[in-house]
PDB file of all heavy atoms in Angstrom:
ATOM      1  N   LYS A   1     -48.019  39.245  34.767  1.00  0.00           N
ATOM      2  CA  LYS A   1     -48.849  40.167  34.002  1.00  0.00           C
ATOM      3  C   LYS A   1     -50.341  39.938  34.201  1.00  0.00           C
ATOM      4  O   LYS A   1     -51.157  40.701  33.701  1.00  0.00           O
ATOM      5  CB  LYS A   1     -48.521  40.050  32.514  1.00  0.00           C
ATOM      6  CG  LYS A   1     -47.104  40.508  32.180  1.00  0.00           C
ATOM      7  CD  LYS A   1     -46.828  40.329  30.705  1.00  0.00           C
ATOM      8  CE  LYS A   1     -45.370  40.687  30.408  1.00  0.00           C
ATOM      9  NZ  LYS A   1     -45.020  40.376  29.028  1.00  0.00           N
ATOM     10  N   THR A   2     -50.703  38.873  34.906  1.00  0.00           N
ATOM     11  CA  THR A   2     -52.116  38.588  35.152  1.00  0.00           C
ATOM     12  C   THR A   2     -52.752  39.775  35.867  1.00  0.00           C
ATOM     13  O   THR A   2     -52.182  40.318  36.809  1.00  0.00           O
ATOM     14  CB  THR A   2     -52.270  37.315  36.032  1.00  0.00           C
ATOM     15  OG1 THR A   2     -51.660  36.234  35.340  1.00  0.00           O
ATOM     16  CG2 THR A   2     -53.717  37.015  36.301  1.00  0.00           C
ATOM     17  N   PRO A   3     -53.941  40.199  35.439  1.00  0.00           N
ATOM     18  CA  PRO A   3     -54.599  41.310  36.143  1.00  0.00           C
ATOM     19  C   PRO A   3     -54.868  40.946  37.613  1.00  0.00           C
ATOM     20  O   PRO A   3     -55.286  39.818  37.926  1.00  0.00           O
ATOM     21  CB  PRO A   3     -55.900  41.489  35.382  1.00  0.00           C
ATOM     22  CG  PRO A   3     -55.590  40.989  33.995  1.00  0.00           C
ATOM     23  CD  PRO A   3     -54.670  39.825  34.229  1.00  0.00           C
ATOM     24  N   LEU A   4     -54.620  41.872  38.477  1.00  0.00           N
ATOM     25  CA  LEU A   4     -54.859  41.711  39.896  1.00  0.00           C
ATOM     26  C   LEU A   4     -56.289  41.230  40.149  1.00  0.00           C
ATOM     27  O   LEU A   4     -56.531  40.373  41.016  1.00  0.00           O
ATOM     28  CB  LEU A   4     -54.584  43.017  40.638  1.00  0.00           C
ATOM     29  CG  LEU A   4     -54.859  43.034  42.146  1.00  0.00           C
ATOM     30  CD1 LEU A   4     -54.000  42.001  42.864  1.00  0.00           C
ATOM     31  CD2 LEU A   4     -54.611  44.435  42.689  1.00  0.00           C
ATOM     32  N   LEU A   5     -57.255  41.760  39.412  1.00  0.00           N
ATOM     33  CA  LEU A   5     -58.654  41.352  39.582  1.00  0.00           C
ATOM     34  C   LEU A   5     -58.820  39.848  39.432  1.00  0.00           C
ATOM     35  O   LEU A   5     -59.527  39.222  40.212  1.00  0.00           O
ATOM     36  CB  LEU A   5     -59.544  42.069  38.562  1.00  0.00           C
ATOM     37  CG  LEU A   5     -61.005  41.654  38.562  1.00  0.00           C
ATOM     38  CD1 LEU A   5     -61.688  42.032  39.872  1.00  0.00           C
ATOM     39  CD2 LEU A   5     -61.738  42.276  37.367  1.00  0.00           C
ATOM     40  N   TYR A   6     -58.177  39.257  38.454  1.00  0.00           N
ATOM     41  CA  TYR A   6     -58.312  37.819  38.212  1.00  0.00           C
ATOM     42  C   TYR A   6     -57.773  37.026  39.400  1.00  0.00           C
ATOM     43  O   TYR A   6     -58.352  36.013  39.801  1.00  0.00           O
ATOM     44  CB  TYR A   6     -57.579  37.399  36.942  1.00  0.00           C
ATOM     45  CG  TYR A   6     -58.119  37.973  35.661  1.00  0.00           C
ATOM     46  CD1 TYR A   6     -59.189  38.848  35.624  1.00  0.00           C
ATOM     47  CD2 TYR A   6     -57.504  37.644  34.467  1.00  0.00           C
ATOM     48  CE1 TYR A   6     -59.661  39.368  34.430  1.00  0.00           C
ATOM     49  CE2 TYR A   6     -57.970  38.153  33.249  1.00  0.00           C
ATOM     50  CZ  TYR A   6     -59.053  39.014  33.257  1.00  0.00           C
ATOM     51  OH  TYR A   6     -59.511  39.526  32.072  1.00  0.00           O
ATOM     52  N   VAL A   7     -56.654  37.472  39.946  1.00  0.00           N
ATOM     53  CA  VAL A   7     -56.069  36.779  41.093  1.00  0.00           C
ATOM     54  C   VAL A   7     -56.973  36.921  42.310  1.00  0.00           C
ATOM     55  O   VAL A   7     -57.233  35.936  43.021  1.00  0.00           O
ATOM     56  CB  VAL A   7     -54.649  37.328  41.387  1.00  0.00           C
ATOM     57  CG1 VAL A   7     -54.103  36.770  42.704  1.00  0.00           C
ATOM     58  CG2 VAL A   7     -53.716  36.985  40.229  1.00  0.00           C
ATOM     59  N   ILE A   8     -57.479  38.145  42.551  1.00  0.00           N
ATOM     60  CA  ILE A   8     -58.354  38.364  43.699  1.00  0.00           C
ATOM     61  C   ILE A   8     -59.587  37.460  43.615  1.00  0.00           C
ATOM     62  O   ILE A   8     -59.945  36.790  44.579  1.00  0.00           O
ATOM     63  CB  ILE A   8     -58.766  39.841  43.784  1.00  0.00           C
ATOM     64  CG1 ILE A   8     -57.568  40.708  44.189  1.00  0.00           C
ATOM     65  CG2 ILE A   8     -59.921  40.036  44.769  1.00  0.00           C
ATOM     66  CD1 ILE A   8     -57.809  42.196  44.074  1.00  0.00           C
ATOM     67  N   ARG A   9     -60.222  37.457  42.465  1.00  0.00           N
ATOM     68  CA  ARG A   9     -61.461  36.674  42.308  1.00  0.00           C
ATOM     69  C   ARG A   9     -61.227  35.183  42.123  1.00  0.00           C
ATOM     70  O   ARG A   9     -61.816  34.368  42.825  1.00  0.00           O
ATOM     71  CB  ARG A   9     -62.275  37.213  41.114  1.00  0.00           C
ATOM     72  CG  ARG A   9     -62.879  38.607  41.381  1.00  0.00           C
ATOM     73  CD  ARG A   9     -63.739  39.057  40.230  1.00  0.00           C
ATOM     74  NE  ARG A   9     -64.822  38.142  39.935  1.00  0.00           N
ATOM     75  CZ  ARG A   9     -66.007  38.095  40.553  1.00  0.00           C
ATOM     76  NH1 ARG A   9     -66.254  38.950  41.547  1.00  0.00           N
ATOM     77  NH2 ARG A   9     -66.938  37.237  40.191  1.00  0.00           N
ATOM     78  N   ASN A  10     -60.382  34.827  41.184  1.00  0.00           N
ATOM     79  CA  ASN A  10     -60.227  33.424  40.788  1.00  0.00           C
ATOM     80  C   ASN A  10     -59.327  32.621  41.725  1.00  0.00           C
ATOM     81  O   ASN A  10     -59.636  31.465  42.009  1.00  0.00           O
ATOM     82  CB  ASN A  10     -59.719  33.304  39.365  1.00  0.00           C
ATOM     83  CG  ASN A  10     -60.646  33.982  38.370  1.00  0.00           C
ATOM     84  OD1 ASN A  10     -61.819  34.193  38.616  1.00  0.00           O
ATOM     85  ND2 ASN A  10     -60.087  34.353  37.230  1.00  0.00           N
ATOM     86  N   ASP A  11     -58.237  33.210  42.161  1.00  0.00           N
ATOM     87  CA  ASP A  11     -57.294  32.476  43.011  1.00  0.00           C
ATOM     88  C   ASP A  11     -57.620  32.611  44.499  1.00  0.00           C
ATOM     89  O   ASP A  11     -57.435  31.669  45.250  1.00  0.00           O
ATOM     90  CB  ASP A  11     -55.858  32.933  42.764  1.00  0.00           C
ATOM     91  CG  ASP A  11     -55.383  32.665  41.346  1.00  0.00           C
ATOM     92  OD1 ASP A  11     -55.926  31.726  40.700  1.00  0.00           O
ATOM     93  OD2 ASP A  11     -54.496  33.380  40.870  1.00  0.00           O
ATOM     94  N   LEU A  12     -58.084  33.779  44.901  1.00  0.00           N
ATOM     95  CA  LEU A  12     -58.335  34.012  46.321  1.00  0.00           C
ATOM     96  C   LEU A  12     -59.812  33.907  46.700  1.00  0.00           C
ATOM     97  O   LEU A  12     -60.142  33.897  47.891  1.00  0.00           O
ATOM     98  CB  LEU A  12     -57.770  35.375  46.745  1.00  0.00           C
ATOM     99  CG  LEU A  12     -56.280  35.564  46.483  1.00  0.00           C
ATOM    100  CD1 LEU A  12     -55.831  36.960  46.898  1.00  0.00           C
ATOM    101  CD2 LEU A  12     -55.454  34.481  47.167  1.00  0.00           C
ATOM    102  N   GLY A  13     -60.713  33.895  45.721  1.00  0.00           N
ATOM    103  CA  GLY A  13     -62.132  33.740  45.993  1.00  0.00           C
ATOM    104  C   GLY A  13     -62.798  34.938  46.630  1.00  0.00           C
ATOM    105  O   GLY A  13     -63.846  34.836  47.256  1.00  0.00           O
ATOM    106  N   VAL A  14     -62.204  36.117  46.451  1.00  0.00           N
ATOM    107  CA  VAL A  14     -62.778  37.361  46.960  1.00  0.00           C
ATOM    108  C   VAL A  14     -63.592  37.971  45.831  1.00  0.00           C
ATOM    109  O   VAL A  14     -63.041  38.423  44.827  1.00  0.00           O
ATOM    110  CB  VAL A  14     -61.674  38.325  47.458  1.00  0.00           C
ATOM    111  CG1 VAL A  14     -62.272  39.617  47.963  1.00  0.00           C
ATOM    112  CG2 VAL A  14     -60.826  37.648  48.552  1.00  0.00           C
ATOM    113  N   LEU A  15     -64.910  38.007  45.982  1.00  0.00           N
ATOM    114  CA  LEU A  15     -65.787  38.283  44.851  1.00  0.00           C
ATOM    115  C   LEU A  15     -66.391  39.680  44.808  1.00  0.00           C
ATOM    116  O   LEU A  15     -67.160  39.992  43.900  1.00  0.00           O
ATOM    117  CB  LEU A  15     -66.905  37.237  44.814  1.00  0.00           C
ATOM    118  CG  LEU A  15     -66.414  35.778  44.738  1.00  0.00           C
ATOM    119  CD1 LEU A  15     -67.596  34.827  44.751  1.00  0.00           C
ATOM    120  CD2 LEU A  15     -65.528  35.564  43.518  1.00  0.00           C
ATOM    121  N   GLY A  16     -66.041  40.553  45.734  1.00  0.00           N
ATOM    122  CA  GLY A  16     -66.586  41.919  45.735  1.00  0.00           C
ATOM    123  C   GLY A  16     -66.227  42.713  44.495  1.00  0.00           C
ATOM    124  O   GLY A  16     -67.104  43.273  43.838  1.00  0.00           O
ATOM    125  N   PRO A  17     -64.936  42.807  44.144  1.00  0.00           N
ATOM    126  CA  PRO A  17     -64.583  43.504  42.915  1.00  0.00           C
ATOM    127  C   PRO A  17     -65.097  42.714  41.717  1.00  0.00           C
ATOM    128  O   PRO A  17     -64.979  41.494  41.676  1.00  0.00           O
ATOM    129  CB  PRO A  17     -63.055  43.543  42.919  1.00  0.00           C
ATOM    130  CG  PRO A  17     -62.624  43.018  44.245  1.00  0.00           C
ATOM    131  CD  PRO A  17     -63.770  42.314  44.864  1.00  0.00           C
ATOM    132  N   LYS A  18     -65.667  43.405  40.751  1.00  0.00           N
ATOM    133  CA  LYS A  18     -66.266  42.742  39.596  1.00  0.00           C
ATOM    134  C   LYS A  18     -65.541  43.084  38.305  1.00  0.00           C
ATOM    135  O   LYS A  18     -64.930  44.133  38.175  1.00  0.00           O
ATOM    136  CB  LYS A  18     -67.734  43.192  39.427  1.00  0.00           C
ATOM    137  CG  LYS A  18     -68.625  42.986  40.652  1.00  0.00           C
ATOM    138  CD  LYS A  18     -68.924  41.530  40.880  1.00  0.00           C
ATOM    139  CE  LYS A  18     -69.993  41.312  41.897  1.00  0.00           C
ATOM    140  NZ  LYS A  18     -69.609  41.481  43.260  1.00  0.00           N
ATOM    141  N   PHE A  19     -65.656  42.186  37.335  1.00  0.00           N
ATOM    142  CA  PHE A  19     -65.189  42.468  35.979  1.00  0.00           C
ATOM    143  C   PHE A  19     -66.305  43.214  35.283  1.00  0.00           C
ATOM    144  O   PHE A  19     -67.412  42.702  35.169  1.00  0.00           O
ATOM    145  CB  PHE A  19     -64.861  41.179  35.229  1.00  0.00           C
ATOM    146  CG  PHE A  19     -64.346  41.453  33.843  1.00  0.00           C
ATOM    147  CD1 PHE A  19     -63.005  41.670  33.617  1.00  0.00           C
ATOM    148  CD2 PHE A  19     -65.214  41.530  32.765  1.00  0.00           C
ATOM    149  CE1 PHE A  19     -62.521  41.940  32.345  1.00  0.00           C
ATOM    150  CE2 PHE A  19     -64.738  41.807  31.485  1.00  0.00           C
ATOM    151  CZ  PHE A  19     -63.389  42.028  31.276  1.00  0.00           C
ATOM    152  N   GLY A  20     -66.020  44.417  34.853  1.00  0.00           N
ATOM    153  CA  GLY A  20     -67.019  45.212  34.126  1.00  0.00           C
ATOM    154  C   GLY A  20     -66.602  45.350  32.664  1.00  0.00           C
ATOM    155  O   GLY A  20     -67.047  44.588  31.822  1.00  0.00           O
ATOM    156  N   CYS A  21     -65.715  46.271  32.413  1.00  0.00           N
ATOM    157  CA  CYS A  21     -65.335  46.557  31.021  1.00  0.00           C
ATOM    158  C   CYS A  21     -63.973  45.959  30.670  1.00  0.00           C
ATOM    159  O   CYS A  21     -63.670  45.775  29.499  1.00  0.00           O
ATOM    160  CB  CYS A  21     -65.293  48.074  30.809  1.00  0.00           C
ATOM    161  SG  CYS A  21     -64.009  48.909  31.803  1.00  0.00           S
ATOM    162  N   GLY A  22     -63.126  45.708  31.652  1.00  0.00           N
ATOM    163  CA  GLY A  22     -61.791  45.201  31.385  1.00  0.00           C
ATOM    164  C   GLY A  22     -60.838  46.249  30.880  1.00  0.00           C
ATOM    165  O   GLY A  22     -59.700  45.940  30.517  1.00  0.00           O
ATOM    166  N   LEU A  23     -61.281  47.498  30.829  1.00  0.00           N
ATOM    167  CA  LEU A  23     -60.478  48.586  30.282  1.00  0.00           C
ATOM    168  C   LEU A  23     -60.195  49.699  31.288  1.00  0.00           C
ATOM    169  O   LEU A  23     -59.739  50.779  30.933  1.00  0.00           O
ATOM    170  CB  LEU A  23     -61.184  49.215  29.071  1.00  0.00           C
ATOM    171  CG  LEU A  23     -61.469  48.247  27.918  1.00  0.00           C
ATOM    172  CD1 LEU A  23     -62.391  48.921  26.900  1.00  0.00           C
ATOM    173  CD2 LEU A  23     -60.185  47.779  27.282  1.00  0.00           C
ATOM    174  N   ALA A  24     -60.529  49.458  32.566  1.00  0.00           N
ATOM    175  CA  ALA A  24     -60.337  50.429  33.646  1.00  0.00           C
ATOM    176  C   ALA A  24     -61.190  51.681  33.439  1.00  0.00           C
ATOM    177  O   ALA A  24     -60.842  52.764  33.874  1.00  0.00           O
ATOM    178  CB  ALA A  24     -58.870  50.815  33.805  1.00  0.00           C
ATOM    179  N   GLN A  25     -62.321  51.531  32.764  1.00  0.00           N
ATOM    180  CA  GLN A  25     -63.190  52.672  32.487  1.00  0.00           C
ATOM    181  C   GLN A  25     -64.480  52.699  33.304  1.00  0.00           C
ATOM    182  O   GLN A  25     -65.094  53.737  33.416  1.00  0.00           O
ATOM    183  CB  GLN A  25     -63.529  52.706  31.006  1.00  0.00           C
ATOM    184  CG  GLN A  25     -62.322  52.969  30.161  1.00  0.00           C
ATOM    185  CD  GLN A  25     -62.628  52.971  28.669  1.00  0.00           C
ATOM    186  OE1 GLN A  25     -63.747  52.715  28.246  1.00  0.00           O
ATOM    187  NE2 GLN A  25     -61.630  53.251  27.868  1.00  0.00           N
ATOM    188  N   CYS A  26     -64.905  51.556  33.842  1.00  0.00           N
ATOM    189  CA  CYS A  26     -66.218  51.546  34.515  1.00  0.00           C
ATOM    190  C   CYS A  26     -66.105  51.594  36.035  1.00  0.00           C
ATOM    191  O   CYS A  26     -66.994  52.095  36.705  1.00  0.00           O
ATOM    192  CB  CYS A  26     -67.036  50.329  34.098  1.00  0.00           C
ATOM    193  SG  CYS A  26     -66.469  48.753  34.784  1.00  0.00           S
ATOM    194  N   GLY A  27     -65.027  51.072  36.614  1.00  0.00           N
ATOM    195  CA  GLY A  27     -64.811  51.136  38.051  1.00  0.00           C
ATOM    196  C   GLY A  27     -65.318  49.971  38.864  1.00  0.00           C
ATOM    197  O   GLY A  27     -65.095  49.917  40.071  1.00  0.00           O
ATOM    198  N   ALA A  28     -65.990  49.001  38.246  1.00  0.00           N
ATOM    199  CA  ALA A  28     -66.544  47.873  38.996  1.00  0.00           C
ATOM    200  C   ALA A  28     -65.449  47.064  39.693  1.00  0.00           C
ATOM    201  O   ALA A  28     -65.709  46.372  40.669  1.00  0.00           O
ATOM    202  CB  ALA A  28     -67.356  46.971  38.075  1.00  0.00           C
ATOM    203  N   CYS A  29     -64.220  47.146  39.225  1.00  0.00           N
ATOM    204  CA  CYS A  29     -63.112  46.360  39.737  1.00  0.00           C
ATOM    205  C   CYS A  29     -62.270  47.120  40.786  1.00  0.00           C
ATOM    206  O   CYS A  29     -61.223  46.638  41.213  1.00  0.00           O
ATOM    207  CB  CYS A  29     -62.196  45.940  38.593  1.00  0.00           C
ATOM    208  SG  CYS A  29     -61.363  47.355  37.819  1.00  0.00           S
ATOM    209  N   THR A  30     -62.723  48.274  41.217  1.00  0.00           N
ATOM    210  CA  THR A  30     -61.907  49.146  42.082  1.00  0.00           C
ATOM    211  C   THR A  30     -61.614  48.496  43.436  1.00  0.00           C
ATOM    212  O   THR A  30     -62.520  47.978  44.100  1.00  0.00           O
ATOM    213  CB  THR A  30     -62.603  50.504  42.290  1.00  0.00           C
ATOM    214  OG1 THR A  30     -62.817  51.104  41.010  1.00  0.00           O
ATOM    215  CG2 THR A  30     -61.755  51.431  43.159  1.00  0.00           C
ATOM    216  N   VAL A  31     -60.343  48.521  43.799  1.00  0.00           N
ATOM    217  CA  VAL A  31     -59.870  48.100  45.105  1.00  0.00           C
ATOM    218  C   VAL A  31     -58.899  49.170  45.604  1.00  0.00           C
ATOM    219  O   VAL A  31     -58.512  50.054  44.844  1.00  0.00           O
ATOM    220  CB  VAL A  31     -59.176  46.710  45.055  1.00  0.00           C
ATOM    221  CG1 VAL A  31     -60.135  45.637  44.558  1.00  0.00           C
ATOM    222  CG2 VAL A  31     -57.905  46.742  44.213  1.00  0.00           C
ATOM    223  N   HIS A  32     -58.494  49.057  46.840  1.00  0.00           N
ATOM    224  CA  HIS A  32     -57.451  49.947  47.350  1.00  0.00           C
ATOM    225  C   HIS A  32     -56.142  49.178  47.411  1.00  0.00           C
ATOM    226  O   HIS A  32     -56.099  48.061  47.929  1.00  0.00           O
ATOM    227  CB  HIS A  32     -57.774  50.447  48.751  1.00  0.00           C
ATOM    228  CG  HIS A  32     -58.971  51.326  48.820  1.00  0.00           C
ATOM    229  ND1 HIS A  32     -59.492  51.767  50.005  1.00  0.00           N
ATOM    230  CD2 HIS A  32     -59.769  51.851  47.853  1.00  0.00           C
ATOM    231  CE1 HIS A  32     -60.542  52.522  49.772  1.00  0.00           C
ATOM    232  NE2 HIS A  32     -60.738  52.568  48.465  1.00  0.00           N
ATOM    233  N   MET A  33     -55.101  49.775  46.869  1.00  0.00           N
ATOM    234  CA  MET A  33     -53.746  49.241  47.021  1.00  0.00           C
ATOM    235  C   MET A  33     -52.972  50.232  47.844  1.00  0.00           C
ATOM    236  O   MET A  33     -52.790  51.396  47.423  1.00  0.00           O
ATOM    237  CB  MET A  33     -53.056  49.015  45.659  1.00  0.00           C
ATOM    238  CG  MET A  33     -51.708  48.335  45.838  1.00  0.00           C
ATOM    239  SD  MET A  33     -50.693  48.014  44.374  1.00  0.00           S
ATOM    240  CE  MET A  33     -51.790  47.665  43.093  1.00  0.00           C
ATOM    241  N   ASP A  34     -52.574  49.808  49.030  1.00  0.00           N
ATOM    242  CA  ASP A  34     -51.880  50.685  49.966  1.00  0.00           C
ATOM    243  C   ASP A  34     -52.650  51.992  50.153  1.00  0.00           C
ATOM    244  O   ASP A  34     -52.067  53.078  50.174  1.00  0.00           O
ATOM    245  CB  ASP A  34     -50.442  50.949  49.522  1.00  0.00           C
ATOM    246  CG  ASP A  34     -49.588  49.672  49.572  1.00  0.00           C
ATOM    247  OD1 ASP A  34     -49.869  48.808  50.415  1.00  0.00           O
ATOM    248  OD2 ASP A  34     -48.649  49.555  48.755  1.00  0.00           O
ATOM    249  N   GLY A  35     -53.979  51.878  50.214  1.00  0.00           N
ATOM    250  CA  GLY A  35     -54.843  53.017  50.497  1.00  0.00           C
ATOM    251  C   GLY A  35     -55.280  53.835  49.303  1.00  0.00           C
ATOM    252  O   GLY A  35     -56.064  54.761  49.452  1.00  0.00           O
ATOM    253  N   VAL A  36     -54.793  53.508  48.134  1.00  0.00           N
ATOM    254  CA  VAL A  36     -55.115  54.265  46.928  1.00  0.00           C
ATOM    255  C   VAL A  36     -56.082  53.447  46.084  1.00  0.00           C
ATOM    256  O   VAL A  36     -55.857  52.263  45.821  1.00  0.00           O
ATOM    257  CB  VAL A  36     -53.843  54.586  46.110  1.00  0.00           C
ATOM    258  CG1 VAL A  36     -54.182  55.303  44.823  1.00  0.00           C
ATOM    259  CG2 VAL A  36     -52.867  55.406  46.949  1.00  0.00           C
TER     260      VAL A  36
END
């Protein structure tokens, strides 16, 4: 259930996506999953 953002940033050290609102409303955390 861990948010993908946390794994990308904290476990994998990929820092481009950011934590903004935590509610999927601001878009700072946007990544592509299978192109979407």
